[in-house]
PDB file of N, CA and C in Angstrom:
ATOM      1  N   MET A   1     228.184 253.951 -14.818  1.00  0.00           N
ATOM      2  CA  MET A   1     226.748 253.947 -15.043  1.00  0.00           C
ATOM      3  C   MET A   1     226.099 252.937 -14.093  1.00  0.00           C
ATOM      4  N   ASP A   2     225.013 253.359 -13.436  1.00  0.00           N
ATOM      5  CA  ASP A   2     224.270 252.463 -12.554  1.00  0.00           C
ATOM      6  C   ASP A   2     223.395 251.542 -13.386  1.00  0.00           C
ATOM      7  N   ARG A   3     223.347 250.289 -12.982  1.00  0.00           N
ATOM      8  CA  ARG A   3     222.509 249.309 -13.672  1.00  0.00           C
ATOM      9  C   ARG A   3     221.677 248.552 -12.655  1.00  0.00           C
ATOM     10  N   CYS A   4     220.545 248.108 -13.095  1.00  0.00           N
ATOM     11  CA  CYS A   4     219.688 247.316 -12.221  1.00  0.00           C
ATOM     12  C   CYS A   4     220.252 245.909 -12.099  1.00  0.00           C
ATOM     13  N   ASN A   5     220.246 245.392 -10.920  1.00  0.00           N
ATOM     14  CA  ASN A   5     220.684 244.032 -10.674  1.00  0.00           C
ATOM     15  C   ASN A   5     219.441 243.202 -10.365  1.00  0.00           C
ATOM     16  N   VAL A   6     219.129 242.255 -11.229  1.00  0.00           N
ATOM     17  CA  VAL A   6     217.928 241.446 -11.091  1.00  0.00           C
ATOM     18  C   VAL A   6     217.923 240.698  -9.758  1.00  0.00           C
ATOM     19  N   LYS A   7     219.065 240.310  -9.276  1.00  0.00           N
ATOM     20  CA  LYS A   7     219.133 239.505  -8.066  1.00  0.00           C
ATOM     21  C   LYS A   7     218.771 240.287  -6.807  1.00  0.00           C
ATOM     22  N   VAL A   8     218.835 241.590  -6.833  1.00  0.00           N
ATOM     23  CA  VAL A   8     218.530 242.360  -5.628  1.00  0.00           C
ATOM     24  C   VAL A   8     217.269 243.207  -5.774  1.00  0.00           C
ATOM     25  N   ARG A   9     216.569 243.105  -6.875  1.00  0.00           N
ATOM     26  CA  ARG A   9     215.329 243.856  -7.059  1.00  0.00           C
ATOM     27  C   ARG A   9     214.285 243.344  -6.084  1.00  0.00           C
ATOM     28  N   ALA A  10     213.605 244.231  -5.438  1.00  0.00           N
ATOM     29  CA  ALA A  10     212.584 243.837  -4.472  1.00  0.00           C
ATOM     30  C   ALA A  10     211.253 243.624  -5.179  1.00  0.00           C
ATOM     31  N   TYR A  11     210.623 242.508  -4.888  1.00  0.00           N
ATOM     32  CA  TYR A  11     209.293 242.215  -5.396  1.00  0.00           C
ATOM     33  C   TYR A  11     208.301 242.409  -4.252  1.00  0.00           C
ATOM     34  N   LYS A  12     207.178 241.751  -4.296  1.00  0.00           N
ATOM     35  CA  LYS A  12     206.158 241.924  -3.271  1.00  0.00           C
ATOM     36  C   LYS A  12     206.743 241.686  -1.878  1.00  0.00           C
ATOM     37  N   ASN A  13     206.417 242.549  -0.957  1.00  0.00           N
ATOM     38  CA  ASN A  13     206.889 242.471   0.426  1.00  0.00           C
ATOM     39  C   ASN A  13     208.407 242.523   0.534  1.00  0.00           C
ATOM     40  N   GLY A  14     209.088 243.107  -0.449  1.00  0.00           N
ATOM     41  CA  GLY A  14     210.530 243.298  -0.377  1.00  0.00           C
ATOM     42  C   GLY A  14     211.359 242.055  -0.632  1.00  0.00           C
ATOM     43  N   LYS A  15     210.751 240.988  -1.174  1.00  0.00           N
ATOM     44  CA  LYS A  15     211.497 239.757  -1.443  1.00  0.00           C
ATOM     45  C   LYS A  15     212.284 239.890  -2.740  1.00  0.00           C
ATOM     46  N   THR A  16     213.431 239.250  -2.793  1.00  0.00           N
ATOM     47  CA  THR A  16     214.204 239.215  -4.024  1.00  0.00           C
ATOM     48  C   THR A  16     213.669 238.093  -4.914  1.00  0.00           C
ATOM     49  N   PHE A  17     214.094 238.083  -6.165  1.00  0.00           N
ATOM     50  CA  PHE A  17     213.667 237.030  -7.085  1.00  0.00           C
ATOM     51  C   PHE A  17     214.098 235.662  -6.568  1.00  0.00           C
ATOM     52  N   ASP A  18     215.309 235.568  -6.026  1.00  0.00           N
ATOM     53  CA  ASP A  18     215.796 234.288  -5.501  1.00  0.00           C
ATOM     54  C   ASP A  18     214.920 233.791  -4.353  1.00  0.00           C
ATOM     55  N   GLN A  19     214.478 234.694  -3.508  1.00  0.00           N
ATOM     56  CA  GLN A  19     213.591 234.308  -2.419  1.00  0.00           C
ATOM     57  C   GLN A  19     212.242 233.844  -2.957  1.00  0.00           C
ATOM     58  N   CYS A  20     211.722 234.527  -3.957  1.00  0.00           N
ATOM     59  CA  CYS A  20     210.466 234.117  -4.588  1.00  0.00           C
ATOM     60  C   CYS A  20     210.600 232.725  -5.202  1.00  0.00           C
ATOM     61  N   ARG A  21     211.729 232.479  -5.851  1.00  0.00           N
ATOM     62  CA  ARG A  21     211.966 231.166  -6.460  1.00  0.00           C
ATOM     63  C   ARG A  21     212.014 230.082  -5.388  1.00  0.00           C
ATOM     64  N   ASP A  22     212.690 230.354  -4.286  1.00  0.00           N
ATOM     65  CA  ASP A  22     212.784 229.373  -3.203  1.00  0.00           C
ATOM     66  C   ASP A  22     211.412 229.092  -2.585  1.00  0.00           C
ATOM     67  N   ILE A  23     210.599 230.122  -2.433  1.00  0.00           N
ATOM     68  CA  ILE A  23     209.254 229.948  -1.894  1.00  0.00           C
ATOM     69  C   ILE A  23     208.425 229.068  -2.831  1.00  0.00           C
ATOM     70  N   ALA A  24     208.495 229.347  -4.128  1.00  0.00           N
ATOM     71  CA  ALA A  24     207.744 228.556  -5.111  1.00  0.00           C
ATOM     72  C   ALA A  24     208.187 227.094  -5.077  1.00  0.00           C
ATOM     73  N   GLU A  25     209.488 226.859  -5.020  1.00  0.00           N
ATOM     74  CA  GLU A  25     210.011 225.484  -4.961  1.00  0.00           C
ATOM     75  C   GLU A  25     209.539 224.780  -3.692  1.00  0.00           C
ATOM     76  N   SER A  26     209.507 225.505  -2.582  1.00  0.00           N
ATOM     77  CA  SER A  26     209.125 224.880  -1.313  1.00  0.00           C
ATOM     78  C   SER A  26     207.626 224.572  -1.252  1.00  0.00           C
ATOM     79  N   MET A  27     206.807 225.280  -2.006  1.00  0.00           N
ATOM     80  CA  MET A  27     205.364 225.039  -1.993  1.00  0.00           C
ATOM     81  C   MET A  27     204.946 223.929  -2.955  1.00  0.00           C
ATOM     82  N   ASN A  28     205.761 223.637  -3.939  1.00  0.00           N
ATOM     83  CA  ASN A  28     205.377 222.664  -4.960  1.00  0.00           C
ATOM     84  C   ASN A  28     205.106 221.258  -4.431  1.00  0.00           C
ATOM     85  N   PRO A  29     205.855 220.755  -3.445  1.00  0.00           N
ATOM     86  CA  PRO A  29     205.508 219.412  -2.944  1.00  0.00           C
ATOM     87  C   PRO A  29     204.071 219.332  -2.411  1.00  0.00           C
ATOM     88  N   ASP A  30     203.597 220.401  -1.771  1.00  0.00           N
ATOM     89  CA  ASP A  30     202.214 220.410  -1.286  1.00  0.00           C
ATOM     90  C   ASP A  30     201.223 220.415  -2.442  1.00  0.00           C
ATOM     91  N   PHE A  31     201.527 221.187  -3.491  1.00  0.00           N
ATOM     92  CA  PHE A  31     200.646 221.208  -4.656  1.00  0.00           C
ATOM     93  C   PHE A  31     200.632 219.841  -5.350  1.00  0.00           C
ATOM     94  N   LYS A  32     201.781 219.214  -5.449  1.00  0.00           N
ATOM     95  CA  LYS A  32     201.861 217.890  -6.081  1.00  0.00           C
ATOM     96  C   LYS A  32     201.060 216.865  -5.290  1.00  0.00           C
ATOM     97  N   LYS A  33     201.155 216.933  -3.971  1.00  0.00           N
ATOM     98  CA  LYS A  33     200.394 216.012  -3.119  1.00  0.00           C
ATOM     99  C   LYS A  33     198.900 216.230  -3.309  1.00  0.00           C
ATOM    100  N   TYR A  34     198.484 217.485  -3.362  1.00  0.00           N
ATOM    101  CA  TYR A  34     197.076 217.819  -3.574  1.00  0.00           C
ATOM    102  C   TYR A  34     196.597 217.268  -4.917  1.00  0.00           C
ATOM    103  N   ILE A  35     197.396 217.450  -5.960  1.00  0.00           N
ATOM    104  CA  ILE A  35     197.037 216.950  -7.297  1.00  0.00           C
ATOM    105  C   ILE A  35     196.937 215.429  -7.276  1.00  0.00           C
ATOM    106  N   GLN A  36     197.861 214.776  -6.575  1.00  0.00           N
ATOM    107  CA  GLN A  36     197.850 213.313  -6.472  1.00  0.00           C
ATOM    108  C   GLN A  36     196.550 212.836  -5.813  1.00  0.00           C
ATOM    109  N   GLU A  37     196.112 213.558  -4.772  1.00  0.00           N
ATOM    110  CA  GLU A  37     194.916 213.160  -4.037  1.00  0.00           C
ATOM    111  C   GLU A  37     193.626 213.521  -4.770  1.00  0.00           C
ATOM    112  N   LYS A  38     193.553 214.731  -5.331  1.00  0.00           N
ATOM    113  CA  LYS A  38     192.310 215.247  -5.916  1.00  0.00           C
ATOM    114  C   LYS A  38     192.239 215.153  -7.437  1.00  0.00           C
ATOM    115  N   GLY A  39     193.378 214.923  -8.087  1.00  0.00           N
ATOM    116  CA  GLY A  39     193.396 214.817  -9.546  1.00  0.00           C
ATOM    117  C   GLY A  39     193.779 216.099 -10.260  1.00  0.00           C
ATOM    118  N   LYS A  40     193.513 217.249  -9.615  1.00  0.00           N
ATOM    119  CA  LYS A  40     193.865 218.530 -10.219  1.00  0.00           C
ATOM    120  C   LYS A  40     193.783 219.627  -9.162  1.00  0.00           C
ATOM    121  N   ILE A  41     194.348 220.779  -9.502  1.00  0.00           N
ATOM    122  CA  ILE A  41     194.221 221.974  -8.674  1.00  0.00           C
ATOM    123  C   ILE A  41     193.968 223.142  -9.614  1.00  0.00           C
ATOM    124  N   MET A  42     193.053 224.005  -9.227  1.00  0.00           N
ATOM    125  CA  MET A  42     192.703 225.156 -10.050  1.00  0.00           C
ATOM    126  C   MET A  42     193.729 226.274  -9.860  1.00  0.00           C
ATOM    127  N   TRP A  43     193.922 227.071 -10.902  1.00  0.00           N
ATOM    128  CA  TRP A  43     194.851 228.201 -10.824  1.00  0.00           C
ATOM    129  C   TRP A  43     194.487 229.133  -9.673  1.00  0.00           C
ATOM    130  N   ASN A  44     193.199 229.386  -9.472  1.00  0.00           N
ATOM    131  CA  ASN A  44     192.773 230.283  -8.397  1.00  0.00           C
ATOM    132  C   ASN A  44     193.191 229.768  -7.025  1.00  0.00           C
ATOM    133  N   ASP A  45     193.153 228.450  -6.842  1.00  0.00           N
ATOM    134  CA  ASP A  45     193.569 227.868  -5.563  1.00  0.00           C
ATOM    135  C   ASP A  45     195.059 228.095  -5.328  1.00  0.00           C
ATOM    136  N   ILE A  46     195.854 227.946  -6.383  1.00  0.00           N
ATOM    137  CA  ILE A  46     197.292 228.202  -6.260  1.00  0.00           C
ATOM    138  C   ILE A  46     197.524 229.669  -5.932  1.00  0.00           C
ATOM    139  N   LEU A  47     196.831 230.555  -6.627  1.00  0.00           N
ATOM    140  CA  LEU A  47     196.988 231.993  -6.404  1.00  0.00           C
ATOM    141  C   LEU A  47     196.652 232.364  -4.956  1.00  0.00           C
ATOM    142  N   GLU A  48     195.612 231.770  -4.412  1.00  0.00           N
ATOM    143  CA  GLU A  48     195.262 232.033  -3.015  1.00  0.00           C
ATOM    144  C   GLU A  48     196.338 231.526  -2.065  1.00  0.00           C
ATOM    145  N   LYS A  49     196.858 230.336  -2.331  1.00  0.00           N
ATOM    146  CA  LYS A  49     197.857 229.750  -1.439  1.00  0.00           C
ATOM    147  C   LYS A  49     199.180 230.514  -1.454  1.00  0.00           C
ATOM    148  N   VAL A  50     199.498 231.167  -2.569  1.00  0.00           N
ATOM    149  CA  VAL A  50     200.729 231.973  -2.629  1.00  0.00           C
ATOM    150  C   VAL A  50     200.448 233.424  -2.242  1.00  0.00           C
ATOM    151  N   GLU A  51     199.264 233.647  -1.664  1.00  0.00           N
ATOM    152  CA  GLU A  51     198.859 234.960  -1.164  1.00  0.00           C
ATOM    153  C   GLU A  51     198.894 236.041  -2.252  1.00  0.00           C
ATOM    154  N   HIS A  52     198.469 235.674  -3.430  1.00  0.00           N
ATOM    155  CA  HIS A  52     198.342 236.588  -4.577  1.00  0.00           C
ATOM    156  C   HIS A  52     199.673 237.243  -4.958  1.00  0.00           C
ATOM    157  N   ASP A  53     200.773 236.541  -4.707  1.00  0.00           N
ATOM    158  CA  ASP A  53     202.098 237.009  -5.112  1.00  0.00           C
ATOM    159  C   ASP A  53     202.327 236.524  -6.543  1.00  0.00           C
ATOM    160  N   GLU A  54     202.279 237.442  -7.506  1.00  0.00           N
ATOM    161  CA  GLU A  54     202.303 237.077  -8.919  1.00  0.00           C
ATOM    162  C   GLU A  54     203.588 236.349  -9.322  1.00  0.00           C
ATOM    163  N   ILE A  55     204.720 236.789  -8.805  1.00  0.00           N
ATOM    164  CA  ILE A  55     205.994 236.148  -9.166  1.00  0.00           C
ATOM    165  C   ILE A  55     206.040 234.711  -8.650  1.00  0.00           C
ATOM    166  N   VAL A  56     205.660 234.506  -7.390  1.00  0.00           N
ATOM    167  CA  VAL A  56     205.652 233.152  -6.820  1.00  0.00           C
ATOM    168  C   VAL A  56     204.653 232.279  -7.569  1.00  0.00           C
ATOM    169  N   TYR A  57     203.508 232.844  -7.909  1.00  0.00           N
ATOM    170  CA  TYR A  57     202.474 232.115  -8.655  1.00  0.00           C
ATOM    171  C   TYR A  57     203.008 231.638 -10.008  1.00  0.00           C
ATOM    172  N   LYS A  58     203.611 232.539 -10.760  1.00  0.00           N
ATOM    173  CA  LYS A  58     204.131 232.177 -12.083  1.00  0.00           C
ATOM    174  C   LYS A  58     205.267 231.170 -11.976  1.00  0.00           C
ATOM    175  N   LEU A  59     206.136 231.346 -10.978  1.00  0.00           N
ATOM    176  CA  LEU A  59     207.234 230.388 -10.791  1.00  0.00           C
ATOM    177  C   LEU A  59     206.692 229.016 -10.389  1.00  0.00           C
ATOM    178  N   THR A  60     205.653 228.998  -9.567  1.00  0.00           N
ATOM    179  CA  THR A  60     205.038 227.731  -9.165  1.00  0.00           C
ATOM    180  C   THR A  60     204.528 226.975 -10.387  1.00  0.00           C
ATOM    181  N   LEU A  61     203.811 227.675 -11.271  1.00  0.00           N
ATOM    182  CA  LEU A  61     203.326 227.028 -12.491  1.00  0.00           C
ATOM    183  C   LEU A  61     204.486 226.557 -13.357  1.00  0.00           C
ATOM    184  N   LYS A  62     205.518 227.360 -13.462  1.00  0.00           N
ATOM    185  CA  LYS A  62     206.689 226.995 -14.268  1.00  0.00           C
ATOM    186  C   LYS A  62     207.331 225.721 -13.729  1.00  0.00           C
ATOM    187  N   PHE A  63     207.489 225.627 -12.409  1.00  0.00           N
ATOM    188  CA  PHE A  63     208.129 224.455 -11.816  1.00  0.00           C
ATOM    189  C   PHE A  63     207.233 223.225 -11.906  1.00  0.00           C
ATOM    190  N   LEU A  64     205.924 223.402 -11.812  1.00  0.00           N
ATOM    191  CA  LEU A  64     205.030 222.258 -11.988  1.00  0.00           C
ATOM    192  C   LEU A  64     205.118 221.730 -13.417  1.00  0.00           C
ATOM    193  N   ARG A  65     205.175 222.638 -14.388  1.00  0.00           N
ATOM    194  CA  ARG A  65     205.330 222.210 -15.794  1.00  0.00           C
ATOM    195  C   ARG A  65     206.656 221.477 -15.973  1.00  0.00           C
ATOM    196  N   ARG A  66     207.709 222.014 -15.381  1.00  0.00           N
ATOM    197  CA  ARG A  66     209.027 221.385 -15.454  1.00  0.00           C
ATOM    198  C   ARG A  66     208.995 219.965 -14.889  1.00  0.00           C
ATOM    199  N   ASP A  67     208.185 219.757 -13.860  1.00  0.00           N
ATOM    200  CA  ASP A  67     208.126 218.466 -13.184  1.00  0.00           C
ATOM    201  C   ASP A  67     207.108 217.505 -13.794  1.00  0.00           C
ATOM    202  N   GLY A  68     206.578 217.842 -14.974  1.00  0.00           N
ATOM    203  CA  GLY A  68     205.743 216.904 -15.702  1.00  0.00           C
ATOM    204  C   GLY A  68     204.253 217.082 -15.529  1.00  0.00           C
ATOM    205  N   TYR A  69     203.815 218.246 -15.120  1.00  0.00           N
ATOM    206  CA  TYR A  69     202.388 218.500 -14.955  1.00  0.00           C
ATOM    207  C   TYR A  69     201.870 219.349 -16.103  1.00  0.00           C
ATOM    208  N   ASP A  70     200.613 219.089 -16.464  1.00  0.00           N
ATOM    209  CA  ASP A  70     199.920 219.890 -17.472  1.00  0.00           C
ATOM    210  C   ASP A  70     199.347 221.093 -16.735  1.00  0.00           C
ATOM    211  N   ILE A  71     199.855 222.296 -17.052  1.00  0.00           N
ATOM    212  CA  ILE A  71     199.404 223.480 -16.317  1.00  0.00           C
ATOM    213  C   ILE A  71     198.212 224.162 -16.982  1.00  0.00           C
ATOM    214  N   GLY A  72     197.643 223.557 -17.986  1.00  0.00           N
ATOM    215  CA  GLY A  72     196.442 224.082 -18.625  1.00  0.00           C
ATOM    216  C   GLY A  72     196.698 225.340 -19.440  1.00  0.00           C
ATOM    217  N   ASN A  73     195.630 226.108 -19.643  1.00  0.00           N
ATOM    218  CA  ASN A  73     195.702 227.361 -20.389  1.00  0.00           C
ATOM    219  C   ASN A  73     194.542 228.249 -19.949  1.00  0.00           C
ATOM    220  N   HIS A  74     194.356 229.380 -20.626  1.00  0.00           N
ATOM    221  CA  HIS A  74     193.316 230.319 -20.206  1.00  0.00           C
ATOM    222  C   HIS A  74     191.898 229.743 -20.307  1.00  0.00           C
ATOM    223  N   LYS A  75     191.714 228.726 -21.136  1.00  0.00           N
ATOM    224  CA  LYS A  75     190.400 228.092 -21.252  1.00  0.00           C
ATOM    225  C   LYS A  75     190.219 226.966 -20.235  1.00  0.00           C
ATOM    226  N   ILE A  76     191.330 226.365 -19.822  1.00  0.00           N
ATOM    227  CA  ILE A  76     191.310 225.277 -18.837  1.00  0.00           C
ATOM    228  C   ILE A  76     192.295 225.653 -17.728  1.00  0.00           C
ATOM    229  N   PRO A  77     191.884 226.511 -16.776  1.00  0.00           N
ATOM    230  CA  PRO A  77     192.806 227.015 -15.751  1.00  0.00           C
ATOM    231  C   PRO A  77     193.010 226.038 -14.594  1.00  0.00           C
ATOM    232  N   GLU A  78     193.650 224.908 -14.902  1.00  0.00           N
ATOM    233  CA  GLU A  78     193.893 223.898 -13.881  1.00  0.00           C
ATOM    234  C   GLU A  78     195.214 223.200 -14.138  1.00  0.00           C
ATOM    235  N   VAL A  79     195.754 222.616 -13.091  1.00  0.00           N
ATOM    236  CA  VAL A  79     196.996 221.862 -13.184  1.00  0.00           C
ATOM    237  C   VAL A  79     196.674 220.413 -12.852  1.00  0.00           C
ATOM    238  N   LYS A  80     197.134 219.506 -13.716  1.00  0.00           N
ATOM    239  CA  LYS A  80     196.922 218.079 -13.470  1.00  0.00           C
ATOM    240  C   LYS A  80     198.105 217.305 -14.032  1.00  0.00           C
ATOM    241  N   LYS A  81     198.194 216.051 -13.644  1.00  0.00           N
ATOM    242  CA  LYS A  81     199.268 215.197 -14.127  1.00  0.00           C
ATOM    243  C   LYS A  81     198.969 214.809 -15.566  1.00  0.00           C
ATOM    244  N   PHE A  82     199.993 214.810 -16.414  1.00  0.00           N
ATOM    245  CA  PHE A  82     199.806 214.342 -17.781  1.00  0.00           C
ATOM    246  C   PHE A  82     199.378 212.890 -17.753  1.00  0.00           C
ATOM    247  N   PRO A  83     198.448 212.488 -18.613  1.00  0.00           N
ATOM    248  CA  PRO A  83     198.029 211.080 -18.649  1.00  0.00           C
ATOM    249  C   PRO A  83     199.192 210.197 -19.103  1.00  0.00           C
ATOM    250  N   ILE A  84     199.259 209.034 -18.510  1.00  0.00           N
ATOM    251  CA  ILE A  84     200.304 208.066 -18.858  1.00  0.00           C
ATOM    252  C   ILE A  84     199.882 207.313 -20.099  1.00  0.00           C
ATOM    253  N   LEU A  85     200.719 207.347 -21.113  1.00  0.00           N
ATOM    254  CA  LEU A  85     200.420 206.661 -22.369  1.00  0.00           C
ATOM    255  C   LEU A  85     201.023 205.273 -22.348  1.00  0.00           C
ATOM    256  N   ASP A  86     200.280 204.291 -22.809  1.00  0.00           N
ATOM    257  CA  ASP A  86     200.780 202.905 -22.838  1.00  0.00           C
ATOM    258  C   ASP A  86     201.579 202.654 -24.084  1.00  0.00           C
TER     259      ASP A  86
END
């Protein structure tokens, strides 16, 4: 029986999931630097920078959350650093 292999499924522009993940990881340092300088980045700005690639966009948000950023919600569509509690 033929089965789908997640690792070789083509996403936007024929990229595999692993390639999308690597792209998202490689873009995060720039997003973190932007957040450090400006205080936050809007979801729309991230979407534009990833060229409207939904998988890369979602992975980018996931990795920013993993790295300690508040990725907001549908009412507050922005990413910022969690406030430091004393």
